[in-house]
């Protein structure tokens, strides 16, 4: 049962789900020379990898739409984000150490990176 947080989003109360998940959030800033084709390939391969892992409960990734629309200040923006939900920390660890995920990270993501920020939290 969701809990009311006492705050509102427009005209509706914000709700906090009672089920806890282990959430992984990663933000990437790409190097200047990274092409849109590489970014698309990274997104496709990350989604394929996540879909193959039973521990992944929810997964979304993609380019920053606010930056593309000119809505974010350049110095504050990251180019790409990943949000993945797991039942627990052990599920995230299996994802993080999965051979295919490691390959995508090593062969595609790291060579394209200028900066990276990652956080794991219980949501």
PDB file of N, CA and C in Angstrom:
ATOM      1  N   UNK A   1       0.841  -1.182   0.000  1.00  0.00           N
ATOM      2  CA  UNK A   1       0.000   0.000   0.000  1.00  0.00           C
ATOM      3  C   UNK A   1       0.885   1.245   0.000  1.00  0.00           C
ATOM      4  N   UNK A   2       0.695   2.162  -0.957  1.00  0.00           N
ATOM      5  CA  UNK A   2       1.480   3.393  -0.983  1.00  0.00           C
ATOM      6  C   UNK A   2       1.190   4.267   0.230  1.00  0.00           C
ATOM      7  N   UNK A   3       2.195   5.028   0.669  1.00  0.00           N
ATOM      8  CA  UNK A   3       2.047   5.958   1.771  1.00  0.00           C
ATOM      9  C   UNK A   3       2.051   7.377   1.223  1.00  0.00           C
ATOM     10  N   UNK A   4       1.188   8.235   1.751  1.00  0.00           N
ATOM     11  CA  UNK A   4       1.163   9.636   1.371  1.00  0.00           C
ATOM     12  C   UNK A   4       2.347  10.328   2.022  1.00  0.00           C
ATOM     13  N   UNK A   5       3.109  11.075   1.226  1.00  0.00           N
ATOM     14  CA  UNK A   5       4.290  11.770   1.744  1.00  0.00           C
ATOM     15  C   UNK A   5       3.970  13.133   2.347  1.00  0.00           C
ATOM     16  N   UNK A   6       2.726  13.576   2.205  1.00  0.00           N
ATOM     17  CA  UNK A   6       2.363  14.882   2.730  1.00  0.00           C
ATOM     18  C   UNK A   6       2.710  16.022   1.789  1.00  0.00           C
ATOM     19  N   UNK A   7       3.296  15.725   0.647  1.00  0.00           N
ATOM     20  CA  UNK A   7       3.630  16.726  -0.362  1.00  0.00           C
ATOM     21  C   UNK A   7       2.750  16.470  -1.580  1.00  0.00           C
ATOM     22  N   UNK A   8       2.737  17.416  -2.488  1.00  0.00           N
ATOM     23  CA  UNK A   8       1.919  17.245  -3.683  1.00  0.00           C
ATOM     24  C   UNK A   8       2.739  17.466  -4.938  1.00  0.00           C
ATOM     25  N   UNK A   9       2.263  16.866  -6.009  1.00  0.00           N
ATOM     26  CA  UNK A   9       2.810  17.085  -7.347  1.00  0.00           C
ATOM     27  C   UNK A   9       1.647  17.630  -8.152  1.00  0.00           C
ATOM     28  N   UNK A  10       1.605  18.951  -8.271  1.00  0.00           N
ATOM     29  CA  UNK A  10       0.438  19.563  -8.901  1.00  0.00           C
ATOM     30  C   UNK A  10      -0.741  19.427  -7.961  1.00  0.00           C
ATOM     31  N   UNK A  11      -1.788  18.741  -8.415  1.00  0.00           N
ATOM     32  CA  UNK A  11      -2.986  18.584  -7.595  1.00  0.00           C
ATOM     33  C   UNK A  11      -3.128  17.189  -6.992  1.00  0.00           C
ATOM     34  N   UNK A  12      -2.081  16.379  -7.063  1.00  0.00           N
ATOM     35  CA  UNK A  12      -2.174  15.030  -6.509  1.00  0.00           C
ATOM     36  C   UNK A  12      -1.117  14.820  -5.426  1.00  0.00           C
ATOM     37  N   UNK A  13      -1.461  14.066  -4.379  1.00  0.00           N
ATOM     38  CA  UNK A  13      -0.462  13.787  -3.342  1.00  0.00           C
ATOM     39  C   UNK A  13       0.625  12.861  -3.872  1.00  0.00           C
ATOM     40  N   UNK A  14       1.855  13.092  -3.427  1.00  0.00           N
ATOM     41  CA  UNK A  14       2.954  12.196  -3.770  1.00  0.00           C
ATOM     42  C   UNK A  14       2.819  10.926  -2.940  1.00  0.00           C
ATOM     43  N   UNK A  15       3.095   9.817  -3.554  1.00  0.00           N
ATOM     44  CA  UNK A  15       2.978   8.530  -2.879  1.00  0.00           C
ATOM     45  C   UNK A  15       4.335   7.854  -2.815  1.00  0.00           C
ATOM     46  N   UNK A  16       4.598   7.170  -1.728  1.00  0.00           N
ATOM     47  CA  UNK A  16       5.797   6.363  -1.565  1.00  0.00           C
ATOM     48  C   UNK A  16       5.348   4.913  -1.494  1.00  0.00           C
ATOM     49  N   UNK A  17       5.781   4.116  -2.451  1.00  0.00           N
ATOM     50  CA  UNK A  17       5.405   2.708  -2.460  1.00  0.00           C
ATOM     51  C   UNK A  17       5.995   2.022  -1.238  1.00  0.00           C
ATOM     52  N   UNK A  18       5.259   1.081  -0.679  1.00  0.00           N
ATOM     53  CA  UNK A  18       5.735   0.404   0.522  1.00  0.00           C
ATOM     54  C   UNK A  18       6.761  -0.682   0.204  1.00  0.00           C
ATOM     55  N   UNK A  19       6.770  -1.207  -1.010  1.00  0.00           N
ATOM     56  CA  UNK A  19       7.758  -2.217  -1.379  1.00  0.00           C
ATOM     57  C   UNK A  19       9.110  -1.540  -1.602  1.00  0.00           C
ATOM     58  N   UNK A  20      10.160  -2.119  -1.056  1.00  0.00           N
ATOM     59  CA  UNK A  20      11.496  -1.557  -1.198  1.00  0.00           C
ATOM     60  C   UNK A  20      12.210  -2.244  -2.351  1.00  0.00           C
ATOM     61  N   UNK A  21      12.888  -1.445  -3.155  1.00  0.00           N
ATOM     62  CA  UNK A  21      13.733  -1.980  -4.215  1.00  0.00           C
ATOM     63  C   UNK A  21      15.138  -1.431  -4.023  1.00  0.00           C
ATOM     64  N   UNK A  22      16.073  -2.116  -4.615  1.00  0.00           N
ATOM     65  CA  UNK A  22      17.454  -1.646  -4.648  1.00  0.00           C
ATOM     66  C   UNK A  22      17.629  -0.994  -6.005  1.00  0.00           C
ATOM     67  N   UNK A  23      17.878   0.310  -6.032  1.00  0.00           N
ATOM     68  CA  UNK A  23      17.922   1.080  -7.278  1.00  0.00           C
ATOM     69  C   UNK A  23      19.353   1.497  -7.602  1.00  0.00           C
ATOM     70  N   UNK A  24      19.707   1.290  -8.860  1.00  0.00           N
ATOM     71  CA  UNK A  24      21.015   1.679  -9.405  1.00  0.00           C
ATOM     72  C   UNK A  24      20.767   2.831 -10.379  1.00  0.00           C
ATOM     73  N   UNK A  25      21.483   3.928 -10.192  1.00  0.00           N
ATOM     74  CA  UNK A  25      21.370   5.085 -11.076  1.00  0.00           C
ATOM     75  C   UNK A  25      22.768   5.445 -11.552  1.00  0.00           C
ATOM     76  N   UNK A  26      22.930   5.530 -12.871  1.00  0.00           N
ATOM     77  CA  UNK A  26      24.219   5.906 -13.457  1.00  0.00           C
ATOM     78  C   UNK A  26      23.988   7.022 -14.467  1.00  0.00           C
ATOM     79  N   UNK A  27      24.831   8.037 -14.408  1.00  0.00           N
ATOM     80  CA  UNK A  27      24.778   9.149 -15.360  1.00  0.00           C
ATOM     81  C   UNK A  27      26.116   9.239 -16.066  1.00  0.00           C
ATOM     82  N   UNK A  28      26.059   9.394 -17.373  1.00  0.00           N
ATOM     83  CA  UNK A  28      27.270   9.452 -18.183  1.00  0.00           C
ATOM     84  C   UNK A  28      27.349  10.768 -18.943  1.00  0.00           C
ATOM     85  N   UNK A  29      28.534  11.317 -19.008  1.00  0.00           N
ATOM     86  CA  UNK A  29      28.839  12.437 -19.907  1.00  0.00           C
ATOM     87  C   UNK A  29      29.801  11.871 -20.944  1.00  0.00           C
ATOM     88  N   UNK A  30      29.422  11.983 -22.204  1.00  0.00           N
ATOM     89  CA  UNK A  30      30.221  11.404 -23.281  1.00  0.00           C
ATOM     90  C   UNK A  30      31.354  12.331 -23.686  1.00  0.00           C
ATOM     91  N   UNK A  31      32.393  11.760 -24.234  1.00  0.00           N
ATOM     92  CA  UNK A  31      33.481  12.527 -24.836  1.00  0.00           C
ATOM     93  C   UNK A  31      32.931  13.281 -26.043  1.00  0.00           C
ATOM     94  N   UNK A  32      33.597  14.333 -26.415  1.00  0.00           N
ATOM     95  CA  UNK A  32      33.143  15.192 -27.523  1.00  0.00           C
ATOM     96  C   UNK A  32      32.935  14.443 -28.837  1.00  0.00           C
ATOM     97  N   UNK A  33      33.752  13.416 -29.094  1.00  0.00           N
ATOM     98  CA  UNK A  33      33.727  12.749 -30.399  1.00  0.00           C
ATOM     99  C   UNK A  33      32.781  11.549 -30.478  1.00  0.00           C
ATOM    100  N   UNK A  34      31.948  11.324 -29.474  1.00  0.00           N
ATOM    101  CA  UNK A  34      31.042  10.175 -29.478  1.00  0.00           C
ATOM    102  C   UNK A  34      29.859  10.462 -30.396  1.00  0.00           C
ATOM    103  N   UNK A  35      29.612   9.552 -31.317  1.00  0.00           N
ATOM    104  CA  UNK A  35      28.549   9.732 -32.313  1.00  0.00           C
ATOM    105  C   UNK A  35      27.193   9.271 -31.770  1.00  0.00           C
ATOM    106  N   UNK A  36      26.110   9.788 -32.325  1.00  0.00           N
ATOM    107  CA  UNK A  36      24.775   9.308 -31.939  1.00  0.00           C
ATOM    108  C   UNK A  36      24.608   7.806 -32.181  1.00  0.00           C
ATOM    109  N   UNK A  37      25.284   7.281 -33.185  1.00  0.00           N
ATOM    110  CA  UNK A  37      25.200   5.847 -33.472  1.00  0.00           C
ATOM    111  C   UNK A  37      25.799   5.010 -32.329  1.00  0.00           C
ATOM    112  N   UNK A  38      26.890   5.476 -31.764  1.00  0.00           N
ATOM    113  CA  UNK A  38      27.504   4.779 -30.623  1.00  0.00           C
ATOM    114  C   UNK A  38      26.563   4.823 -29.419  1.00  0.00           C
ATOM    115  N   UNK A  39      25.956   5.971 -29.177  1.00  0.00           N
ATOM    116  CA  UNK A  39      25.033   6.107 -28.050  1.00  0.00           C
ATOM    117  C   UNK A  39      23.839   5.166 -28.230  1.00  0.00           C
ATOM    118  N   UNK A  40      23.317   5.079 -29.441  1.00  0.00           N
ATOM    119  CA  UNK A  40      22.209   4.166 -29.722  1.00  0.00           C
ATOM    120  C   UNK A  40      22.630   2.723 -29.496  1.00  0.00           C
ATOM    121  N   UNK A  41      23.816   2.375 -29.932  1.00  0.00           N
ATOM    122  CA  UNK A  41      24.317   1.009 -29.737  1.00  0.00           C
ATOM    123  C   UNK A  41      24.472   0.695 -28.252  1.00  0.00           C
ATOM    124  N   UNK A  42      25.006   1.641 -27.495  1.00  0.00           N
ATOM    125  CA  UNK A  42      25.157   1.441 -26.053  1.00  0.00           C
ATOM    126  C   UNK A  42      23.795   1.193 -25.410  1.00  0.00           C
ATOM    127  N   UNK A  43      22.820   2.039 -25.732  1.00  0.00           N
ATOM    128  CA  UNK A  43      21.476   1.883 -25.158  1.00  0.00           C
ATOM    129  C   UNK A  43      20.877   0.523 -25.530  1.00  0.00           C
ATOM    130  N   UNK A  44      20.983   0.156 -26.804  1.00  0.00           N
ATOM    131  CA  UNK A  44      20.431  -1.127 -27.253  1.00  0.00           C
ATOM    132  C   UNK A  44      21.084  -2.300 -26.536  1.00  0.00           C
ATOM    133  N   UNK A  45      22.391  -2.266 -26.408  1.00  0.00           N
ATOM    134  CA  UNK A  45      23.094  -3.386 -25.777  1.00  0.00           C
ATOM    135  C   UNK A  45      22.848  -3.438 -24.265  1.00  0.00           C
ATOM    136  N   UNK A  46      22.734  -2.284 -23.623  1.00  0.00           N
ATOM    137  CA  UNK A  46      22.391  -2.284 -22.205  1.00  0.00           C
ATOM    138  C   UNK A  46      20.999  -2.869 -21.985  1.00  0.00           C
ATOM    139  N   UNK A  47      20.034  -2.482 -22.816  1.00  0.00           N
ATOM    140  CA  UNK A  47      18.668  -3.010 -22.688  1.00  0.00           C
ATOM    141  C   UNK A  47      18.633  -4.523 -22.921  1.00  0.00           C
ATOM    142  N   UNK A  48      19.376  -4.980 -23.913  1.00  0.00           N
ATOM    143  CA  UNK A  48      19.435  -6.414 -24.203  1.00  0.00           C
ATOM    144  C   UNK A  48      20.028  -7.169 -23.024  1.00  0.00           C
ATOM    145  N   UNK A  49      21.092  -6.640 -22.477  1.00  0.00           N
ATOM    146  CA  UNK A  49      21.746  -7.257 -21.320  1.00  0.00           C
ATOM    147  C   UNK A  49      20.776  -7.319 -20.142  1.00  0.00           C
ATOM    148  N   UNK A  50      20.117  -6.225 -19.832  1.00  0.00           N
ATOM    149  CA  UNK A  50      19.187  -6.174 -18.700  1.00  0.00           C
ATOM    150  C   UNK A  50      18.026  -7.141 -18.896  1.00  0.00           C
ATOM    151  N   UNK A  51      17.520  -7.235 -20.118  1.00  0.00           N
ATOM    152  CA  UNK A  51      16.386  -8.123 -20.397  1.00  0.00           C
ATOM    153  C   UNK A  51      16.741  -9.591 -20.192  1.00  0.00           C
ATOM    154  N   UNK A  52      18.002  -9.930 -20.308  1.00  0.00           N
ATOM    155  CA  UNK A  52      18.439 -11.314 -20.169  1.00  0.00           C
ATOM    156  C   UNK A  52      18.676 -11.724 -18.718  1.00  0.00           C
ATOM    157  N   UNK A  53      18.601 -10.780 -17.801  1.00  0.00           N
ATOM    158  CA  UNK A  53      18.919 -11.068 -16.395  1.00  0.00           C
ATOM    159  C   UNK A  53      17.652 -11.092 -15.544  1.00  0.00           C
ATOM    160  N   UNK A  54      17.404 -12.203 -14.889  1.00  0.00           N
ATOM    161  CA  UNK A  54      16.197 -12.372 -14.082  1.00  0.00           C
ATOM    162  C   UNK A  54      16.136 -11.410 -12.896  1.00  0.00           C
ATOM    163  N   UNK A  55      17.283 -10.938 -12.423  1.00  0.00           N
ATOM    164  CA  UNK A  55      17.305 -10.055 -11.257  1.00  0.00           C
ATOM    165  C   UNK A  55      16.820  -8.641 -11.543  1.00  0.00           C
ATOM    166  N   UNK A  56      16.782  -8.240 -12.798  1.00  0.00           N
ATOM    167  CA  UNK A  56      16.387  -6.874 -13.153  1.00  0.00           C
ATOM    168  C   UNK A  56      14.858  -6.785 -13.122  1.00  0.00           C
ATOM    169  N   UNK A  57      14.323  -5.931 -12.236  1.00  0.00           N
ATOM    170  CA  UNK A  57      12.874  -5.749 -12.104  1.00  0.00           C
ATOM    171  C   UNK A  57      12.343  -4.663 -13.034  1.00  0.00           C
ATOM    172  N   UNK A  58      13.111  -3.610 -13.202  1.00  0.00           N
ATOM    173  CA  UNK A  58      12.736  -2.509 -14.099  1.00  0.00           C
ATOM    174  C   UNK A  58      14.026  -1.894 -14.606  1.00  0.00           C
ATOM    175  N   UNK A  59      14.000  -1.427 -15.855  1.00  0.00           N
ATOM    176  CA  UNK A  59      15.222  -0.898 -16.457  1.00  0.00           C
ATOM    177  C   UNK A  59      14.847   0.146 -17.488  1.00  0.00           C
ATOM    178  N   UNK A  60      15.502   1.281 -17.394  1.00  0.00           N
ATOM    179  CA  UNK A  60      15.338   2.308 -18.418  1.00  0.00           C
ATOM    180  C   UNK A  60      16.683   2.994 -18.616  1.00  0.00           C
ATOM    181  N   UNK A  61      16.953   3.351 -19.856  1.00  0.00           N
ATOM    182  CA  UNK A  61      18.179   4.084 -20.151  1.00  0.00           C
ATOM    183  C   UNK A  61      17.969   4.893 -21.423  1.00  0.00           C
ATOM    184  N   UNK A  62      18.770   5.934 -21.566  1.00  0.00           N
ATOM    185  CA  UNK A  62      18.696   6.727 -22.779  1.00  0.00           C
ATOM    186  C   UNK A  62      19.317   8.091 -22.610  1.00  0.00           C
ATOM    187  N   UNK A  63      19.345   8.833 -23.723  1.00  0.00           N
ATOM    188  CA  UNK A  63      19.935  10.168 -23.709  1.00  0.00           C
ATOM    189  C   UNK A  63      19.090  11.161 -22.924  1.00  0.00           C
ATOM    190  N   UNK A  64      19.739  12.200 -22.449  1.00  0.00           N
ATOM    191  CA  UNK A  64      19.082  13.278 -21.705  1.00  0.00           C
ATOM    192  C   UNK A  64      18.231  14.107 -22.653  1.00  0.00           C
ATOM    193  N   UNK A  65      16.919  13.995 -22.542  1.00  0.00           N
ATOM    194  CA  UNK A  65      16.031  14.721 -23.451  1.00  0.00           C
ATOM    195  C   UNK A  65      15.991  16.211 -23.138  1.00  0.00           C
ATOM    196  N   UNK A  66      16.219  16.601 -21.886  1.00  0.00           N
ATOM    197  CA  UNK A  66      16.220  18.021 -21.545  1.00  0.00           C
ATOM    198  C   UNK A  66      17.397  18.738 -22.197  1.00  0.00           C
ATOM    199  N   UNK A  67      18.565  18.109 -22.186  1.00  0.00           N
ATOM    200  CA  UNK A  67      19.730  18.721 -22.823  1.00  0.00           C
ATOM    201  C   UNK A  67      19.522  18.836 -24.321  1.00  0.00           C
ATOM    202  N   UNK A  68      18.938  17.815 -24.921  1.00  0.00           N
ATOM    203  CA  UNK A  68      18.690  17.840 -26.363  1.00  0.00           C
ATOM    204  C   UNK A  68      17.700  18.944 -26.732  1.00  0.00           C
ATOM    205  N   UNK A  69      16.781  19.246 -25.822  1.00  0.00           N
ATOM    206  CA  UNK A  69      15.789  20.296 -26.076  1.00  0.00           C
ATOM    207  C   UNK A  69      16.280  21.675 -25.650  1.00  0.00           C
ATOM    208  N   UNK A  70      17.518  21.762 -25.165  1.00  0.00           N
ATOM    209  CA  UNK A  70      18.063  23.044 -24.736  1.00  0.00           C
ATOM    210  C   UNK A  70      17.542  23.499 -23.389  1.00  0.00           C
ATOM    211  N   UNK A  71      17.022  22.588 -22.577  1.00  0.00           N
ATOM    212  CA  UNK A  71      16.428  22.953 -21.296  1.00  0.00           C
ATOM    213  C   UNK A  71      17.388  22.907 -20.116  1.00  0.00           C
ATOM    214  N   UNK A  72      18.538  22.292 -20.286  1.00  0.00           N
ATOM    215  CA  UNK A  72      19.492  22.163 -19.173  1.00  0.00           C
ATOM    216  C   UNK A  72      20.708  23.047 -19.421  1.00  0.00           C
ATOM    217  N   UNK A  73      21.272  23.568 -18.320  1.00  0.00           N
ATOM    218  CA  UNK A  73      22.525  24.301 -18.454  1.00  0.00           C
ATOM    219  C   UNK A  73      23.618  23.311 -18.825  1.00  0.00           C
ATOM    220  N   UNK A  74      24.452  23.629 -19.768  1.00  0.00           N
ATOM    221  CA  UNK A  74      25.458  22.712 -20.293  1.00  0.00           C
ATOM    222  C   UNK A  74      26.377  22.186 -19.199  1.00  0.00           C
ATOM    223  N   UNK A  75      26.826  23.029 -18.297  1.00  0.00           N
ATOM    224  CA  UNK A  75      27.777  22.573 -17.288  1.00  0.00           C
ATOM    225  C   UNK A  75      27.142  21.627 -16.272  1.00  0.00           C
ATOM    226  N   UNK A  76      25.829  21.603 -16.174  1.00  0.00           N
ATOM    227  CA  UNK A  76      25.141  20.749 -15.216  1.00  0.00           C
ATOM    228  C   UNK A  76      24.672  19.423 -15.804  1.00  0.00           C
ATOM    229  N   UNK A  77      24.687  19.300 -17.084  1.00  0.00           N
ATOM    230  CA  UNK A  77      24.026  18.148 -17.687  1.00  0.00           C
ATOM    231  C   UNK A  77      24.931  16.940 -17.846  1.00  0.00           C
ATOM    232  N   UNK A  78      24.288  15.801 -17.820  1.00  0.00           N
ATOM    233  CA  UNK A  78      24.899  14.554 -18.234  1.00  0.00           C
ATOM    234  C   UNK A  78      24.155  14.127 -19.491  1.00  0.00           C
ATOM    235  N   UNK A  79      24.811  13.373 -20.327  1.00  0.00           N
ATOM    236  CA  UNK A  79      24.263  13.051 -21.642  1.00  0.00           C
ATOM    237  C   UNK A  79      23.357  11.838 -21.663  1.00  0.00           C
ATOM    238  N   UNK A  80      23.472  10.966 -20.656  1.00  0.00           N
ATOM    239  CA  UNK A  80      22.815   9.662 -20.731  1.00  0.00           C
ATOM    240  C   UNK A  80      22.585   9.160 -19.314  1.00  0.00           C
ATOM    241  N   UNK A  81      21.468   8.501 -19.102  1.00  0.00           N
ATOM    242  CA  UNK A  81      21.175   7.963 -17.782  1.00  0.00           C
ATOM    243  C   UNK A  81      20.691   6.530 -17.832  1.00  0.00           C
ATOM    244  N   UNK A  82      20.942   5.816 -16.731  1.00  0.00           N
ATOM    245  CA  UNK A  82      20.455   4.448 -16.534  1.00  0.00           C
ATOM    246  C   UNK A  82      19.807   4.394 -15.154  1.00  0.00           C
ATOM    247  N   UNK A  83      18.605   3.833 -15.087  1.00  0.00           N
ATOM    248  CA  UNK A  83      17.950   3.559 -13.812  1.00  0.00           C
ATOM    249  C   UNK A  83      17.506   2.108 -13.855  1.00  0.00           C
ATOM    250  N   UNK A  84      17.980   1.322 -12.891  1.00  0.00           N
ATOM    251  CA  UNK A  84      17.656  -0.101 -12.841  1.00  0.00           C
ATOM    252  C   UNK A  84      17.217  -0.471 -11.431  1.00  0.00           C
ATOM    253  N   UNK A  85      16.140  -1.236 -11.336  1.00  0.00           N
ATOM    254  CA  UNK A  85      15.619  -1.686 -10.046  1.00  0.00           C
ATOM    255  C   UNK A  85      15.815  -3.185  -9.881  1.00  0.00           C
ATOM    256  N   UNK A  86      16.171  -3.561  -8.650  1.00  0.00           N
ATOM    257  CA  UNK A  86      16.407  -4.952  -8.277  1.00  0.00           C
ATOM    258  C   UNK A  86      15.699  -5.210  -6.960  1.00  0.00           C
ATOM    259  N   UNK A  87      15.418  -6.465  -6.668  1.00  0.00           N
ATOM    260  CA  UNK A  87      14.805  -6.798  -5.377  1.00  0.00           C
ATOM    261  C   UNK A  87      15.742  -6.512  -4.218  1.00  0.00           C
ATOM    262  N   UNK A  88      17.043  -6.709  -4.462  1.00  0.00           N
ATOM    263  CA  UNK A  88      17.994  -6.575  -3.375  1.00  0.00           C
ATOM    264  C   UNK A  88      19.396  -6.291  -3.923  1.00  0.00           C
ATOM    265  N   UNK A  89      20.309  -6.028  -3.013  1.00  0.00           N
ATOM    266  CA  UNK A  89      21.684  -5.711  -3.391  1.00  0.00           C
ATOM    267  C   UNK A  89      22.354  -6.876  -4.120  1.00  0.00           C
ATOM    268  N   UNK A  90      22.050  -8.092  -3.728  1.00  0.00           N
ATOM    269  CA  UNK A  90      22.652  -9.255  -4.382  1.00  0.00           C
ATOM    270  C   UNK A  90      22.266  -9.313  -5.863  1.00  0.00           C
ATOM    271  N   UNK A  91      21.026  -8.973  -6.182  1.00  0.00           N
ATOM    272  CA  UNK A  91      20.587  -8.933  -7.579  1.00  0.00           C
ATOM    273  C   UNK A  91      21.347  -7.897  -8.374  1.00  0.00           C
ATOM    274  N   UNK A  92      21.552  -6.721  -7.753  1.00  0.00           N
ATOM    275  CA  UNK A  92      22.347  -5.688  -8.429  1.00  0.00           C
ATOM    276  C   UNK A  92      23.783  -6.163  -8.646  1.00  0.00           C
ATOM    277  N   UNK A  93      24.354  -6.819  -7.637  1.00  0.00           N
ATOM    278  CA  UNK A  93      25.734  -7.308  -7.773  1.00  0.00           C
ATOM    279  C   UNK A  93      25.857  -8.327  -8.907  1.00  0.00           C
ATOM    280  N   UNK A  94      24.851  -9.177  -9.080  1.00  0.00           N
ATOM    281  CA  UNK A  94      24.885 -10.130 -10.202  1.00  0.00           C
ATOM    282  C   UNK A  94      24.834  -9.381 -11.534  1.00  0.00           C
ATOM    283  N   UNK A  95      24.012  -8.337 -11.622  1.00  0.00           N
ATOM    284  CA  UNK A  95      23.957  -7.493 -12.824  1.00  0.00           C
ATOM    285  C   UNK A  95      25.302  -6.817 -13.054  1.00  0.00           C
ATOM    286  N   UNK A  96      25.857  -6.245 -11.992  1.00  0.00           N
ATOM    287  CA  UNK A  96      27.106  -5.484 -12.112  1.00  0.00           C
ATOM    288  C   UNK A  96      28.280  -6.352 -12.550  1.00  0.00           C
ATOM    289  N   UNK A  97      28.273  -7.614 -12.166  1.00  0.00           N
ATOM    290  CA  UNK A  97      29.380  -8.501 -12.506  1.00  0.00           C
ATOM    291  C   UNK A  97      29.058  -9.446 -13.665  1.00  0.00           C
ATOM    292  N   UNK A  98      27.876  -9.334 -14.237  1.00  0.00           N
ATOM    293  CA  UNK A  98      27.487 -10.176 -15.377  1.00  0.00           C
ATOM    294  C   UNK A  98      28.485 -10.005 -16.530  1.00  0.00           C
ATOM    295  N   UNK A  99      28.862 -11.102 -17.164  1.00  0.00           N
ATOM    296  CA  UNK A  99      29.876 -11.070 -18.229  1.00  0.00           C
ATOM    297  C   UNK A  99      29.476 -10.160 -19.386  1.00  0.00           C
ATOM    298  N   UNK A 100      28.223 -10.212 -19.814  1.00  0.00           N
ATOM    299  CA  UNK A 100      27.798  -9.370 -20.945  1.00  0.00           C
ATOM    300  C   UNK A 100      27.751  -7.898 -20.546  1.00  0.00           C
ATOM    301  N   UNK A 101      27.264  -7.606 -19.350  1.00  0.00           N
ATOM    302  CA  UNK A 101      27.246  -6.230 -18.868  1.00  0.00           C
ATOM    303  C   UNK A 101      28.671  -5.690 -18.760  1.00  0.00           C
ATOM    304  N   UNK A 102      29.583  -6.521 -18.270  1.00  0.00           N
ATOM    305  CA  UNK A 102      30.995  -6.131 -18.178  1.00  0.00           C
ATOM    306  C   UNK A 102      31.573  -5.847 -19.557  1.00  0.00           C
ATOM    307  N   UNK A 103      31.223  -6.667 -20.543  1.00  0.00           N
ATOM    308  CA  UNK A 103      31.699  -6.446 -21.915  1.00  0.00           C
ATOM    309  C   UNK A 103      31.190  -5.115 -22.457  1.00  0.00           C
ATOM    310  N   UNK A 104      29.914  -4.824 -22.285  1.00  0.00           N
ATOM    311  CA  UNK A 104      29.341  -3.559 -22.770  1.00  0.00           C
ATOM    312  C   UNK A 104      30.023  -2.382 -22.086  1.00  0.00           C
ATOM    313  N   UNK A 105      30.210  -2.498 -20.798  1.00  0.00           N
ATOM    314  CA  UNK A 105      30.862  -1.422 -20.033  1.00  0.00           C
ATOM    315  C   UNK A 105      32.301  -1.215 -20.504  1.00  0.00           C
ATOM    316  N   UNK A 106      33.036  -2.308 -20.697  1.00  0.00           N
ATOM    317  CA  UNK A 106      34.456  -2.238 -21.053  1.00  0.00           C
ATOM    318  C   UNK A 106      34.672  -1.817 -22.505  1.00  0.00           C
ATOM    319  N   UNK A 107      33.928  -2.415 -23.432  1.00  0.00           N
ATOM    320  CA  UNK A 107      34.155  -2.181 -24.854  1.00  0.00           C
ATOM    321  C   UNK A 107      33.452  -0.953 -25.413  1.00  0.00           C
ATOM    322  N   UNK A 108      32.307  -0.598 -24.857  1.00  0.00           N
ATOM    323  CA  UNK A 108      31.519   0.500 -25.428  1.00  0.00           C
ATOM    324  C   UNK A 108      31.450   1.736 -24.541  1.00  0.00           C
ATOM    325  N   UNK A 109      31.121   1.559 -23.275  1.00  0.00           N
ATOM    326  CA  UNK A 109      30.884   2.717 -22.409  1.00  0.00           C
ATOM    327  C   UNK A 109      32.181   3.408 -22.014  1.00  0.00           C
ATOM    328  N   UNK A 110      33.118   2.677 -21.444  1.00  0.00           N
ATOM    329  CA  UNK A 110      34.356   3.324 -20.957  1.00  0.00           C
ATOM    330  C   UNK A 110      35.103   4.098 -22.031  1.00  0.00           C
ATOM    331  N   UNK A 111      35.249   3.572 -23.247  1.00  0.00           N
ATOM    332  CA  UNK A 111      35.964   4.360 -24.269  1.00  0.00           C
ATOM    333  C   UNK A 111      35.239   5.662 -24.656  1.00  0.00           C
ATOM    334  N   UNK A 112      33.935   5.729 -24.401  1.00  0.00           N
ATOM    335  CA  UNK A 112      33.143   6.902 -24.782  1.00  0.00           C
ATOM    336  C   UNK A 112      33.006   7.920 -23.654  1.00  0.00           C
ATOM    337  N   UNK A 113      33.420   7.571 -22.440  1.00  0.00           N
ATOM    338  CA  UNK A 113      33.164   8.398 -21.262  1.00  0.00           C
ATOM    339  C   UNK A 113      34.094   9.593 -21.111  1.00  0.00           C
ATOM    340  N   UNK A 114      33.496  10.697 -20.709  1.00  0.00           N
ATOM    341  CA  UNK A 114      34.244  11.840 -20.202  1.00  0.00           C
ATOM    342  C   UNK A 114      34.075  11.900 -18.685  1.00  0.00           C
ATOM    343  N   UNK A 115      32.867  11.533 -18.198  1.00  0.00           N
ATOM    344  CA  UNK A 115      32.591  11.538 -16.758  1.00  0.00           C
ATOM    345  C   UNK A 115      31.445  10.588 -16.465  1.00  0.00           C
ATOM    346  N   UNK A 116      31.420  10.120 -15.208  1.00  0.00           N
ATOM    347  CA  UNK A 116      30.397   9.154 -14.791  1.00  0.00           C
ATOM    348  C   UNK A 116      30.076   9.398 -13.326  1.00  0.00           C
ATOM    349  N   UNK A 117      28.796   9.322 -12.998  1.00  0.00           N
ATOM    350  CA  UNK A 117      28.327   9.408 -11.615  1.00  0.00           C
ATOM    351  C   UNK A 117      27.392   8.220 -11.402  1.00  0.00           C
ATOM    352  N   UNK A 118      27.593   7.511 -10.285  1.00  0.00           N
ATOM    353  CA  UNK A 118      26.787   6.332 -10.000  1.00  0.00           C
ATOM    354  C   UNK A 118      26.355   6.377  -8.538  1.00  0.00           C
ATOM    355  N   UNK A 119      25.122   5.950  -8.291  1.00  0.00           N
ATOM    356  CA  UNK A 119      24.642   5.808  -6.932  1.00  0.00           C
ATOM    357  C   UNK A 119      23.717   4.597  -6.877  1.00  0.00           C
ATOM    358  N   UNK A 120      23.765   3.889  -5.745  1.00  0.00           N
ATOM    359  CA  UNK A 120      22.828   2.821  -5.466  1.00  0.00           C
ATOM    360  C   UNK A 120      22.066   3.230  -4.205  1.00  0.00           C
ATOM    361  N   UNK A 121      20.759   3.017  -4.210  1.00  0.00           N
ATOM    362  CA  UNK A 121      19.965   3.390  -3.055  1.00  0.00           C
ATOM    363  C   UNK A 121      18.784   2.460  -2.897  1.00  0.00           C
ATOM    364  N   UNK A 122      18.228   2.475  -1.706  1.00  0.00           N
ATOM    365  CA  UNK A 122      16.996   1.714  -1.466  1.00  0.00           C
ATOM    366  C   UNK A 122      15.833   2.684  -1.656  1.00  0.00           C
ATOM    367  N   UNK A 123      14.935   2.290  -2.536  1.00  0.00           N
ATOM    368  CA  UNK A 123      13.803   3.180  -2.868  1.00  0.00           C
ATOM    369  C   UNK A 123      12.495   2.524  -2.464  1.00  0.00           C
TER     370      UNK A 123
END
